[in-house]
Amino acid sequence: MTRRHRTFSAAMGRGSFLPALLIVGVGATALIASSSPPAQPDGSAQALLRQKMGFSTAEVQALDAGHAVIRTLETPVRQEIAHVGAVYIDAPPERLLERFRDIERFERGPGVPQIGHFGSTPQVEDLASLTLPAADVKALAACRPGACDLQLPAAAIDRYRNEVRWTSPDAARQATQITREVLVALARAYQANGNGALGYYDDDESGPFPVAEHFRALLTSRDDFPAAVPGLMAYLDTYPYGRPEGAEEFLYWSVVAFGLKPTIRVNHVVIYPLPGAQPVAYAIAIKQLYASHYFHTTLELRFAIDDDRPGRGFWLVSLTRSRNDGMTGLKGLFLRSIISRRSGEAVRKYLAHVRQQVERPTLADGRVERSGS
């Protein structure tokens, strides 16, 4: 068993679960595939949920009653986990975008102790509040290409080896500063060169892991996958070229606390209005550019579907597809069912969090009303 497999197994064996923020949102096949025979479309939002997204009439009724509905999807390879979830939100869909644009306030909480927004030109100062988890500092002191407890390219591993004075009481600060510089360099290179900048993880004895190649596999692992929103899906592949008209985007970083190892992530968000595709009003794509642990690559999609009944809100459909560490071999076969079950429950909790965040009214001074106020 490789070092990577050992650490993943340990985390799952201690009763941890995958965070909703990582495996939430939107993994991709259920938008098209339906588990029931196709019916003649009647043009309503509820018909879209049933006929195009595979929800049963009973599930749509449960959504209408305020319950989150979660389903695990079949995936083409064992390393992939995918879920589709939905929840009804009693607010206009524009409020979701308003709150989501303020990603730091929207996602910060017990499961996300650190988070920050990159500027249009990423700077080290954008990560000034990032503190490298203590377990990562300890692991980096022993890190070597092909044998590291963090997912990193060889060039970054060499920087930690050569530039940090590990015997110094200041070693944690030095390692944190290198981490900030590495993440800013990744963000800038991605803005210039797209997927080609994602490079390789060189932390495992099995050899370099090509991040972009596996992300592209998420886009093409199902023939119907790109049919959901073709312009958006193409842009995720060809970025920085071909941004759909009306789309907005930003990069952000976060530290997500779960399992034995808090995970540093860098994500690319694209918000895409779909005025000509009613009742789907908006799509939000969250593309993982980097994760320090567990997740090799992740794509999340969220769809706001207008309720066509007067005075109503919208359905949020959340799909996710990720390729994960430690899920090969006999132990991986066992772990997969645990990960899938726990991550599905995490999706449910996150959807409840989103509903709570979006349904809170905005006060006269622009602040969001706090729970219980």
Protein backbone atom coordinates (compact mmCIF):
# COMPACT_ATOMS: atom_id res chain seq x y z
CA MET A 1 0.00 0.00 0.00
CA THR A 2 1.41 3.41 -0.94
CA ARG A 3 1.83 6.34 1.44
CA ARG A 4 -1.15 7.99 -0.23
CA HIS A 5 -3.35 4.96 0.36
CA ARG A 6 -2.29 4.70 4.00
CA THR A 7 -3.21 8.28 4.82
CA PHE A 8 -6.58 8.10 3.10
CA SER A 9 -7.42 4.82 4.83
CA ALA A 10 -6.48 6.28 8.20
CA ALA A 11 -8.75 9.28 7.73
CA MET A 12 -11.74 7.17 6.77
CA GLY A 13 -11.07 4.62 9.48
CA ARG A 14 -11.37 7.32 12.16
CA GLY A 15 -14.96 8.09 11.30
CA SER A 16 -14.40 11.21 9.22
CA PHE A 17 -16.53 12.21 6.28
CA LEU A 18 -15.87 14.08 3.07
CA PRO A 19 -16.84 17.74 3.35
CA ALA A 20 -19.94 18.99 1.70
CA LEU A 21 -18.01 21.81 0.16
CA LEU A 22 -15.78 19.41 -1.72
CA ILE A 23 -18.31 16.88 -2.82
CA VAL A 24 -21.28 19.01 -2.97
CA GLY A 25 -22.48 21.13 -5.61
CA VAL A 26 -22.82 19.19 -8.72
CA GLY A 27 -21.31 16.22 -10.43
CA ALA A 28 -22.49 15.92 -13.78
CA THR A 29 -24.37 13.11 -15.32
CA ALA A 30 -27.81 13.29 -13.79
CA LEU A 31 -28.68 16.49 -15.60
CA ILE A 32 -29.33 14.41 -18.68
CA ALA A 33 -29.76 10.82 -17.55
CA SER A 34 -33.06 9.67 -16.08
CA SER A 35 -33.74 6.45 -14.21
CA SER A 36 -37.34 6.35 -15.43
CA PRO A 37 -38.69 6.09 -18.98
CA PRO A 38 -38.85 9.47 -20.74
CA ALA A 39 -42.18 11.23 -20.75
CA GLN A 40 -43.51 13.87 -23.07
CA PRO A 41 -42.23 17.23 -21.84
CA ASP A 42 -44.88 19.58 -20.48
CA GLY A 43 -42.59 22.62 -20.18
CA SER A 44 -42.80 23.04 -16.40
CA ALA A 45 -39.90 23.18 -13.97
CA GLN A 46 -41.19 20.10 -12.17
CA ALA A 47 -41.28 18.23 -15.48
CA LEU A 48 -37.65 19.19 -16.05
CA LEU A 49 -36.72 17.74 -12.65
CA ARG A 50 -38.51 14.50 -13.46
CA GLN A 51 -37.77 14.00 -17.15
CA LYS A 52 -34.26 15.43 -17.52
CA MET A 53 -32.80 15.05 -14.06
CA GLY A 54 -34.24 11.71 -13.09
CA PHE A 55 -36.17 12.69 -9.94
CA SER A 56 -39.31 10.71 -9.27
CA THR A 57 -42.66 12.36 -8.66
CA ALA A 58 -42.33 11.48 -4.96
CA GLU A 59 -38.89 13.07 -4.81
CA VAL A 60 -40.15 16.24 -6.47
CA GLN A 61 -42.94 16.36 -3.91
CA ALA A 62 -40.36 15.92 -1.12
CA LEU A 63 -38.35 18.80 -2.58
CA ASP A 64 -41.47 20.95 -2.69
CA ALA A 65 -42.03 20.17 0.99
CA GLY A 66 -38.58 21.51 1.87
CA HIS A 67 -36.52 18.31 2.02
CA ALA A 68 -33.15 17.80 0.32
CA VAL A 69 -33.03 14.80 -2.02
CA ILE A 70 -29.71 13.05 -2.70
CA ARG A 71 -28.83 10.30 -5.17
CA THR A 72 -25.51 8.57 -5.82
CA LEU A 73 -24.65 8.13 -9.50
CA GLU A 74 -22.89 5.31 -11.26
CA THR A 75 -19.37 6.22 -12.40
CA PRO A 76 -17.16 4.71 -15.10
CA VAL A 77 -14.09 4.17 -12.88
CA ARG A 78 -13.71 3.13 -9.28
CA GLN A 79 -11.76 6.24 -8.28
CA GLU A 80 -14.75 8.44 -9.13
CA ILE A 81 -17.54 9.41 -6.76
CA ALA A 82 -20.60 11.30 -8.02
CA HIS A 83 -23.78 12.60 -6.42
CA VAL A 84 -26.79 14.57 -7.52
CA GLY A 85 -28.74 16.52 -4.91
CA ALA A 86 -31.48 19.11 -4.89
CA VAL A 87 -33.26 21.42 -2.49
CA TYR A 88 -36.03 23.99 -2.83
CA ILE A 89 -35.10 27.55 -1.83
CA ASP A 90 -37.81 30.10 -1.09
CA ALA A 91 -36.03 33.11 -2.54
CA PRO A 92 -35.28 34.51 -6.01
CA PRO A 93 -32.32 32.79 -7.72
CA GLU A 94 -30.55 36.14 -8.06
CA ARG A 95 -30.07 36.12 -4.29
CA LEU A 96 -28.05 32.91 -4.58
CA LEU A 97 -25.65 34.67 -6.94
CA GLU A 98 -25.50 37.75 -4.72
CA ARG A 99 -24.55 35.66 -1.69
CA PHE A 100 -22.26 33.32 -3.60
CA ARG A 101 -20.20 36.16 -5.06
CA ASP A 102 -19.21 36.96 -1.48
CA ILE A 103 -17.65 33.51 -1.27
CA GLU A 104 -15.72 34.22 1.93
CA ARG A 105 -18.85 35.00 3.92
CA PHE A 106 -20.97 32.41 2.12
CA GLU A 107 -18.73 29.38 2.79
CA ARG A 108 -16.82 30.26 5.94
CA GLY A 109 -17.86 28.18 8.94
CA PRO A 110 -16.80 25.27 11.18
CA GLY A 111 -15.92 23.17 8.12
CA VAL A 112 -14.11 26.01 6.34
CA PRO A 113 -11.94 27.83 8.90
CA GLN A 114 -9.86 29.65 6.27
CA ILE A 115 -10.95 31.09 2.95
CA GLY A 116 -9.93 33.91 0.65
CA HIS A 117 -10.67 35.46 -2.73
CA PHE A 118 -7.99 35.98 -5.38
CA GLY A 119 -7.91 39.34 -7.12
CA SER A 120 -8.09 39.64 -10.89
CA THR A 121 -4.29 39.37 -10.85
CA PRO A 122 -3.47 36.96 -7.99
CA GLN A 123 -1.03 38.31 -5.42
CA VAL A 124 0.69 36.73 -2.42
CA GLU A 125 -1.27 39.22 -0.30
CA ASP A 126 -4.48 37.41 -1.34
CA LEU A 127 -3.27 34.54 0.86
CA ALA A 128 -2.12 36.66 3.79
CA SER A 129 -4.61 34.93 6.11
CA LEU A 130 -3.56 31.41 5.08
CA THR A 131 -1.91 29.40 7.84
CA LEU A 132 -0.41 26.06 6.86
CA PRO A 133 -1.95 23.26 8.98
CA ALA A 134 0.50 21.98 11.62
CA ALA A 135 0.26 18.42 10.29
CA ASP A 136 1.29 19.64 6.85
CA VAL A 137 4.31 21.50 8.25
CA LYS A 138 5.46 18.30 9.94
CA ALA A 139 4.89 16.24 6.79
CA LEU A 140 6.72 18.70 4.55
CA ALA A 141 9.88 18.38 6.63
CA ALA A 142 10.18 14.78 5.40
CA CYS A 143 8.73 15.36 1.93
CA ARG A 144 10.56 13.95 -1.11
CA PRO A 145 9.44 13.50 -4.73
CA GLY A 146 7.59 10.19 -4.86
CA ALA A 147 7.15 10.11 -1.07
CA CYS A 148 5.14 13.01 0.33
CA ASP A 149 1.97 13.21 2.39
CA LEU A 150 0.81 16.26 0.42
CA GLN A 151 -0.18 16.34 -3.23
CA LEU A 152 2.53 18.52 -4.78
CA PRO A 153 4.56 18.87 -7.97
CA ALA A 154 8.27 18.01 -7.78
CA ALA A 155 9.34 21.65 -8.16
CA ALA A 156 7.33 22.67 -5.10
CA ILE A 157 8.67 19.73 -3.08
CA ASP A 158 12.20 20.84 -3.94
CA ARG A 159 11.46 24.35 -2.72
CA TYR A 160 10.38 23.08 0.70
CA ARG A 161 13.51 20.90 0.87
CA ASN A 162 15.95 23.62 -0.18
CA GLU A 163 14.48 26.86 1.14
CA VAL A 164 13.05 26.02 4.57
CA ARG A 165 15.44 25.82 7.53
CA TRP A 166 13.62 22.96 9.20
CA THR A 167 15.67 23.21 12.41
CA SER A 168 14.62 26.84 12.85
CA PRO A 169 11.77 27.79 15.21
CA ASP A 170 10.58 29.89 12.25
CA ALA A 171 10.19 26.84 9.96
CA ALA A 172 6.36 26.90 9.95
CA ARG A 173 6.30 30.53 8.82
CA GLN A 174 8.83 29.80 6.08
CA ALA A 175 6.82 26.80 4.84
CA THR A 176 3.60 28.82 4.90
CA GLN A 177 5.20 31.58 2.84
CA ILE A 178 6.36 29.08 0.22
CA THR A 179 2.84 27.63 0.13
CA ARG A 180 1.41 31.09 -0.55
CA GLU A 181 3.93 31.66 -3.34
CA VAL A 182 3.29 28.24 -4.88
CA LEU A 183 -0.49 28.78 -4.90
CA VAL A 184 -0.21 32.28 -6.38
CA ALA A 185 2.12 30.96 -9.09
CA LEU A 186 -0.41 28.24 -9.89
CA ALA A 187 -3.28 30.74 -10.08
CA ARG A 188 -1.34 33.08 -12.36
CA ALA A 189 -0.10 30.26 -14.61
CA TYR A 190 -3.66 28.92 -14.87
CA GLN A 191 -4.97 32.34 -15.88
CA ALA A 192 -2.33 32.46 -18.65
CA ASN A 193 -2.26 28.85 -19.83
CA GLY A 194 -5.40 27.11 -18.58
CA ASN A 195 -5.33 23.39 -17.89
CA GLY A 196 -1.74 23.10 -19.06
CA ALA A 197 -0.68 24.88 -15.86
CA LEU A 198 -2.22 22.25 -13.58
CA GLY A 199 0.81 20.02 -14.04
CA TYR A 200 1.47 16.85 -12.06
CA TYR A 201 1.35 15.60 -8.51
CA ASP A 202 4.71 13.94 -7.78
CA ASP A 203 4.00 12.80 -4.23
CA ASP A 204 3.45 9.09 -4.82
CA GLU A 205 5.74 6.20 -5.71
CA SER A 206 3.37 5.19 -8.50
CA GLY A 207 4.68 8.10 -10.57
CA PRO A 208 3.50 11.58 -11.64
CA PHE A 209 -0.26 12.12 -11.65
CA PRO A 210 -1.40 14.33 -14.59
CA VAL A 211 -4.07 16.59 -13.12
CA ALA A 212 -5.34 18.11 -16.39
CA GLU A 213 -5.64 14.71 -18.05
CA HIS A 214 -7.86 13.42 -15.28
CA PHE A 215 -9.95 16.58 -15.19
CA ARG A 216 -10.58 16.21 -18.91
CA ALA A 217 -11.65 12.62 -18.23
CA LEU A 218 -14.36 14.01 -15.94
CA LEU A 219 -15.62 16.12 -18.83
CA THR A 220 -15.65 13.25 -21.32
CA SER A 221 -16.36 10.18 -19.19
CA ARG A 222 -20.00 10.26 -20.31
CA ASP A 223 -21.13 11.03 -23.86
CA ASP A 224 -24.06 13.07 -22.53
CA PHE A 225 -22.01 15.03 -19.98
CA PRO A 226 -21.27 18.15 -22.07
CA ALA A 227 -24.88 18.32 -23.26
CA ALA A 228 -25.91 20.00 -20.01
CA VAL A 229 -24.49 23.44 -20.83
CA PRO A 230 -22.20 23.05 -23.84
CA GLY A 231 -20.74 26.55 -23.82
CA LEU A 232 -19.85 26.34 -20.14
CA MET A 233 -18.43 22.83 -20.41
CA ALA A 234 -16.29 23.79 -23.39
CA TYR A 235 -14.96 26.81 -21.52
CA LEU A 236 -13.85 24.67 -18.57
CA ASP A 237 -11.76 22.69 -21.06
CA THR A 238 -10.41 25.56 -23.18
CA TYR A 239 -9.95 28.27 -20.51
CA PRO A 240 -8.79 31.04 -20.78
CA TYR A 241 -10.32 31.05 -24.29
CA GLY A 242 -13.99 31.01 -25.27
CA ARG A 243 -15.71 32.41 -22.19
CA PRO A 244 -19.48 32.31 -22.80
CA GLU A 245 -21.19 35.65 -23.20
CA GLY A 246 -22.49 36.97 -19.89
CA ALA A 247 -20.38 34.65 -17.73
CA GLU A 248 -18.45 35.97 -14.74
CA GLU A 249 -15.67 34.20 -12.87
CA PHE A 250 -13.20 34.33 -10.01
CA LEU A 251 -10.60 32.19 -8.24
CA TYR A 252 -10.62 31.48 -4.52
CA TRP A 253 -8.75 29.36 -1.99
CA SER A 254 -9.90 27.64 1.18
CA VAL A 255 -8.82 25.29 3.93
CA VAL A 256 -11.48 22.65 4.49
CA ALA A 257 -11.39 20.86 7.84
CA PHE A 258 -12.26 17.17 7.73
CA GLY A 259 -10.77 13.78 8.53
CA LEU A 260 -7.27 13.81 9.94
CA LYS A 261 -5.96 16.39 7.49
CA PRO A 262 -7.35 19.83 6.73
CA THR A 263 -7.14 20.27 2.97
CA ILE A 264 -6.02 23.36 1.09
CA ARG A 265 -7.95 23.90 -2.13
CA VAL A 266 -7.82 26.35 -5.04
CA ASN A 267 -10.96 26.64 -7.18
CA HIS A 268 -12.08 28.39 -10.35
CA VAL A 269 -15.72 29.55 -10.27
CA VAL A 270 -17.75 30.39 -13.39
CA ILE A 271 -21.25 31.86 -13.01
CA TYR A 272 -23.27 31.53 -16.21
CA PRO A 273 -26.75 33.03 -16.79
CA LEU A 274 -29.04 31.06 -19.06
CA PRO A 275 -31.88 33.43 -20.01
CA GLY A 276 -32.72 31.43 -23.11
CA ALA A 277 -32.86 28.09 -21.34
CA GLN A 278 -35.79 28.59 -19.01
CA PRO A 279 -36.63 27.32 -16.51
CA VAL A 280 -32.88 26.91 -15.82
CA ALA A 281 -31.87 30.43 -14.81
CA TYR A 282 -28.20 30.07 -13.83
CA ALA A 283 -25.39 27.54 -13.80
CA ILE A 284 -22.39 27.74 -11.47
CA ALA A 285 -19.29 25.64 -12.18
CA ILE A 286 -16.62 25.06 -9.54
CA LYS A 287 -13.46 23.56 -11.00
CA GLN A 288 -10.78 22.36 -8.61
CA LEU A 289 -7.31 23.50 -9.61
CA TYR A 290 -5.49 22.09 -6.59
CA ALA A 291 -6.08 20.08 -3.42
CA SER A 292 -3.38 19.23 -0.89
CA HIS A 293 -5.03 15.94 0.12
CA TYR A 294 -7.57 13.32 -0.94
CA PHE A 295 -9.04 14.82 -4.13
CA HIS A 296 -7.12 14.43 -7.37
CA THR A 297 -9.63 16.43 -9.40
CA THR A 298 -13.19 17.64 -8.86
CA LEU A 299 -15.89 19.32 -10.90
CA GLU A 300 -18.99 20.77 -9.29
CA LEU A 301 -22.02 22.17 -11.12
CA ARG A 302 -24.99 23.92 -9.58
CA PHE A 303 -28.19 24.79 -11.43
CA ALA A 304 -30.84 27.27 -10.30
CA ILE A 305 -34.18 26.21 -11.78
CA ASP A 306 -36.97 28.77 -11.58
CA ASP A 307 -40.29 27.66 -10.13
CA ASP A 308 -42.87 28.74 -12.70
CA ARG A 309 -45.63 29.00 -10.10
CA PRO A 310 -46.38 32.63 -9.13
CA GLY A 311 -44.64 33.98 -6.04
CA ARG A 312 -42.33 31.00 -5.64
CA GLY A 313 -38.55 30.53 -5.43
CA PHE A 314 -36.29 28.04 -7.20
CA TRP A 315 -34.82 24.57 -7.05
CA LEU A 316 -31.06 24.24 -6.60
CA VAL A 317 -29.72 21.10 -8.28
CA SER A 318 -26.21 20.16 -7.24
CA LEU A 319 -24.09 17.67 -9.17
CA THR A 320 -20.51 16.62 -8.48
CA ARG A 321 -17.95 14.29 -9.94
CA SER A 322 -14.51 13.75 -8.38
CA ARG A 323 -11.56 11.41 -8.69
CA ASN A 324 -10.15 10.52 -5.33
CA ASP A 325 -7.09 9.11 -3.65
CA GLY A 326 -6.85 5.67 -2.05
CA MET A 327 -9.70 3.92 -3.86
CA THR A 328 -7.87 1.17 -5.75
CA GLY A 329 -7.14 -2.38 -4.60
CA LEU A 330 -9.17 -4.43 -2.13
CA LYS A 331 -9.06 -1.80 0.60
CA GLY A 332 -10.15 0.84 -1.90
CA LEU A 333 -13.17 -1.29 -2.82
CA PHE A 334 -14.21 -1.29 0.84
CA LEU A 335 -13.47 2.40 1.33
CA ARG A 336 -15.45 3.43 -1.73
CA SER A 337 -18.80 2.49 -0.19
CA ILE A 338 -17.93 4.35 3.03
CA ILE A 339 -16.80 7.45 1.18
CA SER A 340 -19.85 7.41 -1.06
CA ARG A 341 -22.29 7.08 1.83
CA ARG A 342 -20.69 9.76 3.97
CA SER A 343 -20.15 12.19 1.14
CA GLY A 344 -23.80 11.82 0.14
CA GLU A 345 -24.82 12.81 3.65
CA ALA A 346 -22.39 15.74 3.43
CA VAL A 347 -24.20 16.89 0.28
CA ARG A 348 -27.47 16.87 2.16
CA LYS A 349 -26.03 18.99 4.98
CA TYR A 350 -24.49 21.46 2.57
CA LEU A 351 -27.71 21.96 0.65
CA ALA A 352 -29.42 22.74 3.96
CA HIS A 353 -26.65 25.26 4.64
CA VAL A 354 -27.17 26.91 1.24
CA ARG A 355 -30.92 27.13 1.75
CA GLN A 356 -30.41 28.76 5.14
CA GLN A 357 -27.87 31.23 3.75
CA VAL A 358 -29.96 32.23 0.76
CA GLU A 359 -33.33 32.44 2.50
CA ARG A 360 -32.06 34.88 5.13
CA PRO A 361 -33.26 38.35 4.18
CA THR A 362 -30.96 41.26 3.42
CA LEU A 363 -31.21 44.09 5.97
CA ALA A 364 -31.59 47.73 5.00
CA ASP A 365 -27.85 48.38 5.45
CA GLY A 366 -26.94 45.54 3.08
CA ARG A 367 -25.99 43.04 5.77
CA VAL A 368 -27.43 39.51 5.81
CA GLU A 369 -29.72 38.81 8.75
CA ARG A 370 -28.11 36.40 11.18
CA SER A 371 -29.82 33.23 12.31
CA GLY A 372 -32.11 33.92 15.23
CA SER A 373 -32.16 37.69 14.73
